[in-house]
Amino acid sequence: MAKRFASLGATVVLWDVNESGNEETKRQIQDAQSDARVFSMKVNLCDREDVYRVAQKVILTNKRSRILIFTSNEFVLGSRSSR
């Protein structure tokens, strides 16, 4: 999914607790598309507060870009107001 989004020109932020796996996916994306904007962040997807903490960090560091979708092979993140 991340590779497809990157090929369409999206900025991709990879999240996982497995840093080496994230870095490998990042490398694969950059090898296939040298101008890809891809970042890797460690986050425990089983810890709701960690997910929201890292999501806030992504939002704050990308103020000039709209975040259109958060997606995961593990879950879909809903509105924070639904907590």
PDB file of N, CA and C in Angstrom:
ATOM      1  N   MET A   1       0.814  -1.176   0.000  1.00  0.00           N
ATOM      2  CA  MET A   1       0.000   0.000   0.000  1.00  0.00           C
ATOM      3  C   MET A   1       0.874   1.263   0.000  1.00  0.00           C
ATOM      4  N   ALA A   2       1.911   1.279   0.847  1.00  0.00           N
ATOM      5  CA  ALA A   2       2.792   2.444   0.935  1.00  0.00           C
ATOM      6  C   ALA A   2       3.507   2.700  -0.393  1.00  0.00           C
ATOM      7  N   LYS A   3       3.945   1.626  -1.042  1.00  0.00           N
ATOM      8  CA  LYS A   3       4.636   1.767  -2.325  1.00  0.00           C
ATOM      9  C   LYS A   3       3.709   2.365  -3.380  1.00  0.00           C
ATOM     10  N   ARG A   4       2.464   1.938  -3.358  1.00  0.00           N
ATOM     11  CA  ARG A   4       1.489   2.454  -4.330  1.00  0.00           C
ATOM     12  C   ARG A   4       1.214   3.934  -4.091  1.00  0.00           C
ATOM     13  N   PHE A   5       0.999   4.320  -2.835  1.00  0.00           N
ATOM     14  CA  PHE A   5       0.763   5.734  -2.531  1.00  0.00           C
ATOM     15  C   PHE A   5       1.958   6.581  -2.958  1.00  0.00           C
ATOM     16  N   ALA A   6       3.177   6.105  -2.678  1.00  0.00           N
ATOM     17  CA  ALA A   6       4.377   6.843  -3.067  1.00  0.00           C
ATOM     18  C   ALA A   6       4.464   6.992  -4.581  1.00  0.00           C
ATOM     19  N   SER A   7       4.106   5.945  -5.317  1.00  0.00           N
ATOM     20  CA  SER A   7       4.164   6.008  -6.782  1.00  0.00           C
ATOM     21  C   SER A   7       3.163   7.015  -7.340  1.00  0.00           C
ATOM     22  N   LEU A   8       2.149   7.333  -6.552  1.00  0.00           N
ATOM     23  CA  LEU A   8       1.142   8.328  -6.969  1.00  0.00           C
ATOM     24  C   LEU A   8       1.502   9.741  -6.515  1.00  0.00           C
ATOM     25  N   GLY A   9       2.676   9.882  -5.880  1.00  0.00           N
ATOM     26  CA  GLY A   9       3.153  11.201  -5.486  1.00  0.00           C
ATOM     27  C   GLY A   9       2.831  11.610  -4.062  1.00  0.00           C
ATOM     28  N   ALA A  10       2.269  10.715  -3.277  1.00  0.00           N
ATOM     29  CA  ALA A  10       1.940  11.032  -1.888  1.00  0.00           C
ATOM     30  C   ALA A  10       3.197  11.026  -1.023  1.00  0.00           C
ATOM     31  N   THR A  11       3.202  11.853  -0.006  1.00  0.00           N
ATOM     32  CA  THR A  11       4.204  11.741   1.040  1.00  0.00           C
ATOM     33  C   THR A  11       3.770  10.592   1.923  1.00  0.00           C
ATOM     34  N   VAL A  12       4.662   9.667   2.171  1.00  0.00           N
ATOM     35  CA  VAL A  12       4.334   8.454   2.914  1.00  0.00           C
ATOM     36  C   VAL A  12       5.094   8.465   4.239  1.00  0.00           C
ATOM     37  N   VAL A  13       4.362   8.212   5.313  1.00  0.00           N
ATOM     38  CA  VAL A  13       4.963   8.078   6.640  1.00  0.00           C
ATOM     39  C   VAL A  13       4.701   6.652   7.102  1.00  0.00           C
ATOM     40  N   LEU A  14       5.767   5.886   7.227  1.00  0.00           N
ATOM     41  CA  LEU A  14       5.667   4.478   7.623  1.00  0.00           C
ATOM     42  C   LEU A  14       5.676   4.377   9.142  1.00  0.00           C
ATOM     43  N   TRP A  15       4.738   3.627   9.674  1.00  0.00           N
ATOM     44  CA  TRP A  15       4.635   3.425  11.124  1.00  0.00           C
ATOM     45  C   TRP A  15       4.723   1.953  11.444  1.00  0.00           C
ATOM     46  N   ASP A  16       5.566   1.628  12.396  1.00  0.00           N
ATOM     47  CA  ASP A  16       5.607   0.264  12.914  1.00  0.00           C
ATOM     48  C   ASP A  16       6.538   0.256  14.110  1.00  0.00           C
ATOM     49  N   VAL A  17       6.401  -0.732  14.936  1.00  0.00           N
ATOM     50  CA  VAL A  17       7.310  -0.924  16.060  1.00  0.00           C
ATOM     51  C   VAL A  17       8.624  -1.526  15.561  1.00  0.00           C
ATOM     52  N   ASN A  18       8.592  -2.155  14.387  1.00  0.00           N
ATOM     53  CA  ASN A  18       9.755  -2.789  13.777  1.00  0.00           C
ATOM     54  C   ASN A  18      10.509  -1.757  12.938  1.00  0.00           C
ATOM     55  N   GLU A  19      11.501  -1.139  13.551  1.00  0.00           N
ATOM     56  CA  GLU A  19      12.245  -0.081  12.862  1.00  0.00           C
ATOM     57  C   GLU A  19      12.999  -0.583  11.641  1.00  0.00           C
ATOM     58  N   SER A  20      13.587  -1.772  11.731  1.00  0.00           N
ATOM     59  CA  SER A  20      14.353  -2.281  10.587  1.00  0.00           C
ATOM     60  C   SER A  20      13.426  -2.585   9.408  1.00  0.00           C
ATOM     61  N   GLY A  21      12.245  -3.110   9.667  1.00  0.00           N
ATOM     62  CA  GLY A  21      11.277  -3.349   8.602  1.00  0.00           C
ATOM     63  C   GLY A  21      10.826  -2.054   7.950  1.00  0.00           C
ATOM     64  N   ASN A  22      10.590  -1.036   8.774  1.00  0.00           N
ATOM     65  CA  ASN A  22      10.228   0.283   8.254  1.00  0.00           C
ATOM     66  C   ASN A  22      11.319   0.834   7.348  1.00  0.00           C
ATOM     67  N   GLU A  23      12.557   0.743   7.819  1.00  0.00           N
ATOM     68  CA  GLU A  23      13.677   1.272   7.044  1.00  0.00           C
ATOM     69  C   GLU A  23      13.849   0.515   5.724  1.00  0.00           C
ATOM     70  N   GLU A  24      13.605  -0.776   5.742  1.00  0.00           N
ATOM     71  CA  GLU A  24      13.700  -1.576   4.511  1.00  0.00           C
ATOM     72  C   GLU A  24      12.629  -1.139   3.510  1.00  0.00           C
ATOM     73  N   THR A  25      11.410  -0.944   3.981  1.00  0.00           N
ATOM     74  CA  THR A  25      10.335  -0.479   3.091  1.00  0.00           C
ATOM     75  C   THR A  25      10.664   0.914   2.555  1.00  0.00           C
ATOM     76  N   LYS A  26      11.161   1.770   3.414  1.00  0.00           N
ATOM     77  CA  LYS A  26      11.560   3.123   2.992  1.00  0.00           C
ATOM     78  C   LYS A  26      12.622   3.045   1.896  1.00  0.00           C
ATOM     79  N   ARG A  27      13.625   2.184   2.107  1.00  0.00           N
ATOM     80  CA  ARG A  27      14.697   2.028   1.114  1.00  0.00           C
ATOM     81  C   ARG A  27      14.145   1.532  -0.213  1.00  0.00           C
ATOM     82  N   GLN A  28      13.236   0.561  -0.161  1.00  0.00           N
ATOM     83  CA  GLN A  28      12.638   0.022  -1.386  1.00  0.00           C
ATOM     84  C   GLN A  28      11.880   1.104  -2.151  1.00  0.00           C
ATOM     85  N   ILE A  29      11.152   1.932  -1.433  1.00  0.00           N
ATOM     86  CA  ILE A  29      10.407   3.017  -2.080  1.00  0.00           C
ATOM     87  C   ILE A  29      11.378   4.004  -2.717  1.00  0.00           C
ATOM     88  N   GLN A  30      12.412   4.391  -1.980  1.00  0.00           N
ATOM     89  CA  GLN A  30      13.374   5.354  -2.507  1.00  0.00           C
ATOM     90  C   GLN A  30      14.194   4.783  -3.656  1.00  0.00           C
ATOM     91  N   ASP A  31      14.472   3.483  -3.638  1.00  0.00           N
ATOM     92  CA  ASP A  31      15.177   2.849  -4.751  1.00  0.00           C
ATOM     93  C   ASP A  31      14.326   2.874  -6.016  1.00  0.00           C
ATOM     94  N   ALA A  32      13.030   2.680  -5.865  1.00  0.00           N
ATOM     95  CA  ALA A  32      12.123   2.656  -7.013  1.00  0.00           C
ATOM     96  C   ALA A  32      11.802   4.058  -7.511  1.00  0.00           C
ATOM     97  N   GLN A  33      11.855   5.027  -6.619  1.00  0.00           N
ATOM     98  CA  GLN A  33      11.462   6.391  -6.974  1.00  0.00           C
ATOM     99  C   GLN A  33      12.321   7.353  -6.167  1.00  0.00           C
ATOM    100  N   SER A  34      13.378   7.866  -6.775  1.00  0.00           N
ATOM    101  CA  SER A  34      14.372   8.653  -6.045  1.00  0.00           C
ATOM    102  C   SER A  34      13.812   9.947  -5.458  1.00  0.00           C
ATOM    103  N   ASP A  35      12.747  10.484  -6.024  1.00  0.00           N
ATOM    104  CA  ASP A  35      12.183  11.733  -5.509  1.00  0.00           C
ATOM    105  C   ASP A  35      11.042  11.499  -4.511  1.00  0.00           C
ATOM    106  N   ALA A  36      10.852  10.265  -4.096  1.00  0.00           N
ATOM    107  CA  ALA A  36       9.775   9.938  -3.151  1.00  0.00           C
ATOM    108  C   ALA A  36      10.012  10.633  -1.816  1.00  0.00           C
ATOM    109  N   ARG A  37       8.925  11.111  -1.242  1.00  0.00           N
ATOM    110  CA  ARG A  37       8.966  11.693   0.109  1.00  0.00           C
ATOM    111  C   ARG A  37       8.442  10.616   1.049  1.00  0.00           C
ATOM    112  N   VAL A  38       9.362   9.990   1.761  1.00  0.00           N
ATOM    113  CA  VAL A  38       8.991   8.873   2.632  1.00  0.00           C
ATOM    114  C   VAL A  38       9.749   8.985   3.955  1.00  0.00           C
ATOM    115  N   PHE A  39       9.021   8.798   5.032  1.00  0.00           N
ATOM    116  CA  PHE A  39       9.572   8.906   6.372  1.00  0.00           C
ATOM    117  C   PHE A  39       9.220   7.648   7.147  1.00  0.00           C
ATOM    118  N   SER A  40      10.054   7.301   8.101  1.00  0.00           N
ATOM    119  CA  SER A  40       9.870   6.111   8.911  1.00  0.00           C
ATOM    120  C   SER A  40       9.813   6.519  10.374  1.00  0.00           C
ATOM    121  N   MET A  41       8.770   6.074  11.071  1.00  0.00           N
ATOM    122  CA  MET A  41       8.619   6.415  12.484  1.00  0.00           C
ATOM    123  C   MET A  41       8.248   5.172  13.278  1.00  0.00           C
ATOM    124  N   LYS A  42       8.877   5.036  14.444  1.00  0.00           N
ATOM    125  CA  LYS A  42       8.544   3.918  15.322  1.00  0.00           C
ATOM    126  C   LYS A  42       7.283   4.279  16.102  1.00  0.00           C
ATOM    127  N   VAL A  43       6.291   3.386  16.051  1.00  0.00           N
ATOM    128  CA  VAL A  43       5.055   3.568  16.818  1.00  0.00           C
ATOM    129  C   VAL A  43       4.498   2.191  17.157  1.00  0.00           C
ATOM    130  N   ASN A  44       4.002   2.074  18.368  1.00  0.00           N
ATOM    131  CA  ASN A  44       3.360   0.839  18.795  1.00  0.00           C
ATOM    132  C   ASN A  44       1.887   0.920  18.407  1.00  0.00           C
ATOM    133  N   LEU A  45       1.504   0.237  17.341  1.00  0.00           N
ATOM    134  CA  LEU A  45       0.142   0.308  16.830  1.00  0.00           C
ATOM    135  C   LEU A  45      -0.878  -0.341  17.765  1.00  0.00           C
ATOM    136  N   CYS A  46      -0.413  -1.036  18.785  1.00  0.00           N
ATOM    137  CA  CYS A  46      -1.312  -1.633  19.773  1.00  0.00           C
ATOM    138  C   CYS A  46      -1.577  -0.684  20.936  1.00  0.00           C
ATOM    139  N   ASP A  47      -0.901   0.438  20.956  1.00  0.00           N
ATOM    140  CA  ASP A  47      -1.021   1.421  22.037  1.00  0.00           C
ATOM    141  C   ASP A  47      -1.685   2.685  21.487  1.00  0.00           C
ATOM    142  N   ARG A  48      -2.967   2.845  21.779  1.00  0.00           N
ATOM    143  CA  ARG A  48      -3.755   3.963  21.240  1.00  0.00           C
ATOM    144  C   ARG A  48      -3.094   5.316  21.512  1.00  0.00           C
ATOM    145  N   GLU A  49      -2.598   5.508  22.724  1.00  0.00           N
ATOM    146  CA  GLU A  49      -1.970   6.791  23.060  1.00  0.00           C
ATOM    147  C   GLU A  49      -0.698   7.022  22.253  1.00  0.00           C
ATOM    148  N   ASP A  50       0.075   5.972  21.996  1.00  0.00           N
ATOM    149  CA  ASP A  50       1.271   6.111  21.166  1.00  0.00           C
ATOM    150  C   ASP A  50       0.880   6.489  19.736  1.00  0.00           C
ATOM    151  N   VAL A  51      -0.179   5.877  19.227  1.00  0.00           N
ATOM    152  CA  VAL A  51      -0.672   6.203  17.880  1.00  0.00           C
ATOM    153  C   VAL A  51      -1.051   7.679  17.804  1.00  0.00           C
ATOM    154  N   TYR A  52      -1.822   8.171  18.776  1.00  0.00           N
ATOM    155  CA  TYR A  52      -2.226   9.580  18.762  1.00  0.00           C
ATOM    156  C   TYR A  52      -1.043  10.518  18.961  1.00  0.00           C
ATOM    157  N   ARG A  53      -0.078  10.117  19.795  1.00  0.00           N
ATOM    158  CA  ARG A  53       1.109  10.940  20.012  1.00  0.00           C
ATOM    159  C   ARG A  53       1.900  11.105  18.715  1.00  0.00           C
ATOM    160  N   VAL A  54       2.122   9.997  18.014  1.00  0.00           N
ATOM    161  CA  VAL A  54       2.898  10.052  16.773  1.00  0.00           C
ATOM    162  C   VAL A  54       2.089  10.744  15.667  1.00  0.00           C
ATOM    163  N   ALA A  55       0.783  10.531  15.641  1.00  0.00           N
ATOM    164  CA  ALA A  55      -0.065  11.227  14.659  1.00  0.00           C
ATOM    165  C   ALA A  55       0.043  12.739  14.850  1.00  0.00           C
ATOM    166  N   GLN A  56       0.012  13.186  16.086  1.00  0.00           N
ATOM    167  CA  GLN A  56       0.153  14.625  16.360  1.00  0.00           C
ATOM    168  C   GLN A  56       1.503  15.135  15.895  1.00  0.00           C
ATOM    169  N   LYS A  57       2.540  14.344  16.102  1.00  0.00           N
ATOM    170  CA  LYS A  57       3.889  14.722  15.652  1.00  0.00           C
ATOM    171  C   LYS A  57       3.921  14.861  14.126  1.00  0.00           C
ATOM    172  N   VAL A  58       3.295  13.924  13.419  1.00  0.00           N
ATOM    173  CA  VAL A  58       3.240  13.991  11.950  1.00  0.00           C
ATOM    174  C   VAL A  58       2.503  15.246  11.510  1.00  0.00           C
ATOM    175  N   ILE A  59       1.380  15.529  12.140  1.00  0.00           N
ATOM    176  CA  ILE A  59       0.588  16.712  11.788  1.00  0.00           C
ATOM    177  C   ILE A  59       1.394  17.985  12.015  1.00  0.00           C
ATOM    178  N   LEU A  60       2.057  18.086  13.147  1.00  0.00           N
ATOM    179  CA  LEU A  60       2.820  19.287  13.467  1.00  0.00           C
ATOM    180  C   LEU A  60       4.024  19.490  12.560  1.00  0.00           C
ATOM    181  N   THR A  61       4.642  18.410  12.099  1.00  0.00           N
ATOM    182  CA  THR A  61       5.823  18.551  11.240  1.00  0.00           C
ATOM    183  C   THR A  61       5.459  18.695   9.767  1.00  0.00           C
ATOM    184  N   ASN A  62       4.198  18.564   9.429  1.00  0.00           N
ATOM    185  CA  ASN A  62       3.744  18.690   8.038  1.00  0.00           C
ATOM    186  C   ASN A  62       2.642  19.730   7.922  1.00  0.00           C
ATOM    187  N   LYS A  63       2.835  20.875   8.557  1.00  0.00           N
ATOM    188  CA  LYS A  63       1.806  21.906   8.609  1.00  0.00           C
ATOM    189  C   LYS A  63       1.400  22.418   7.226  1.00  0.00           C
ATOM    190  N   ARG A  64       2.314  22.382   6.283  1.00  0.00           N
ATOM    191  CA  ARG A  64       1.993  22.905   4.948  1.00  0.00           C
ATOM    192  C   ARG A  64       1.303  21.884   4.063  1.00  0.00           C
ATOM    193  N   SER A  65       1.217  20.668   4.521  1.00  0.00           N
ATOM    194  CA  SER A  65       0.583  19.607   3.736  1.00  0.00           C
ATOM    195  C   SER A  65      -0.674  19.133   4.437  1.00  0.00           C
ATOM    196  N   ARG A  66      -1.687  18.852   3.661  1.00  0.00           N
ATOM    197  CA  ARG A  66      -2.898  18.254   4.221  1.00  0.00           C
ATOM    198  C   ARG A  66      -2.707  16.757   4.322  1.00  0.00           C
ATOM    199  N   ILE A  67      -3.117  16.217   5.444  1.00  0.00           N
ATOM    200  CA  ILE A  67      -3.094  14.767   5.599  1.00  0.00           C
ATOM    201  C   ILE A  67      -4.463  14.273   5.183  1.00  0.00           C
ATOM    202  N   LEU A  68      -4.481  13.498   4.127  1.00  0.00           N
ATOM    203  CA  LEU A  68      -5.749  13.046   3.583  1.00  0.00           C
ATOM    204  C   LEU A  68      -6.193  11.707   4.135  1.00  0.00           C
ATOM    205  N   ILE A  69      -5.229  10.870   4.518  1.00  0.00           N
ATOM    206  CA  ILE A  69      -5.611   9.537   4.970  1.00  0.00           C
ATOM    207  C   ILE A  69      -4.545   8.965   5.900  1.00  0.00           C
ATOM    208  N   PHE A  70      -5.010   8.332   6.947  1.00  0.00           N
ATOM    209  CA  PHE A  70      -4.178   7.469   7.778  1.00  0.00           C
ATOM    210  C   PHE A  70      -4.692   6.066   7.491  1.00  0.00           C
ATOM    211  N   THR A  71      -3.824   5.191   7.105  1.00  0.00           N
ATOM    212  CA  THR A  71      -4.259   3.820   6.852  1.00  0.00           C
ATOM    213  C   THR A  71      -3.226   2.855   7.397  1.00  0.00           C
ATOM    214  N   SER A  72      -3.641   1.660   7.608  1.00  0.00           N
ATOM    215  CA  SER A  72      -2.755   0.647   8.179  1.00  0.00           C
ATOM    216  C   SER A  72      -3.226  -0.726   7.751  1.00  0.00           C
ATOM    217  N   ASN A  73      -2.307  -1.651   7.697  1.00  0.00           N
ATOM    218  CA  ASN A  73      -2.697  -3.038   7.478  1.00  0.00           C
ATOM    219  C   ASN A  73      -3.357  -3.599   8.731  1.00  0.00           C
ATOM    220  N   GLU A  74      -3.182  -2.918   9.869  1.00  0.00           N
ATOM    221  CA  GLU A  74      -3.690  -3.394  11.144  1.00  0.00           C
ATOM    222  C   GLU A  74      -5.074  -2.843  11.483  1.00  0.00           C
ATOM    223  N   PHE A  75      -5.314  -1.568  11.181  1.00  0.00           N
ATOM    224  CA  PHE A  75      -6.567  -0.937  11.574  1.00  0.00           C
ATOM    225  C   PHE A  75      -6.763   0.341  10.779  1.00  0.00           C
ATOM    226  N   VAL A  76      -7.938   0.926  10.889  1.00  0.00           N
ATOM    227  CA  VAL A  76      -8.221   2.244  10.323  1.00  0.00           C
ATOM    228  C   VAL A  76      -8.475   3.176  11.493  1.00  0.00           C
ATOM    229  N   LEU A  77      -7.793   4.313  11.509  1.00  0.00           N
ATOM    230  CA  LEU A  77      -7.895   5.261  12.598  1.00  0.00           C
ATOM    231  C   LEU A  77      -9.084   6.179  12.356  1.00  0.00           C
ATOM    232  N   GLY A  78      -9.999   6.225  13.310  1.00  0.00           N
ATOM    233  CA  GLY A  78     -11.169   7.082  13.202  1.00  0.00           C
ATOM    234  C   GLY A  78     -10.924   8.445  13.794  1.00  0.00           C
ATOM    235  N   SER A  79     -11.965   9.233  13.855  1.00  0.00           N
ATOM    236  CA  SER A  79     -11.900  10.583  14.395  1.00  0.00           C
ATOM    237  C   SER A  79     -11.527  10.545  15.862  1.00  0.00           C
ATOM    238  N   ARG A  80     -10.686  11.469  16.270  1.00  0.00           N
ATOM    239  CA  ARG A  80     -10.281  11.549  17.668  1.00  0.00           C
ATOM    240  C   ARG A  80     -11.476  11.882  18.554  1.00  0.00           C
ATOM    241  N   SER A  81     -12.443  12.587  18.018  1.00  0.00           N
ATOM    242  CA  SER A  81     -13.601  12.972  18.808  1.00  0.00           C
ATOM    243  C   SER A  81     -14.459  11.773  19.200  1.00  0.00           C
ATOM    244  N   SER A  82     -14.226  10.633  18.548  1.00  0.00           N
ATOM    245  CA  SER A  82     -15.012   9.441  18.850  1.00  0.00           C
ATOM    246  C   SER A  82     -14.436   8.647  20.010  1.00  0.00           C
ATOM    247  N   ARG A  83     -13.371   9.127  20.628  1.00  0.00           N
ATOM    248  CA  ARG A  83     -12.727   8.445  21.755  1.00  0.00           C
ATOM    249  C   ARG A  83     -13.603   8.370  22.958  1.00  0.00           C
TER     250      ARG A  83
END
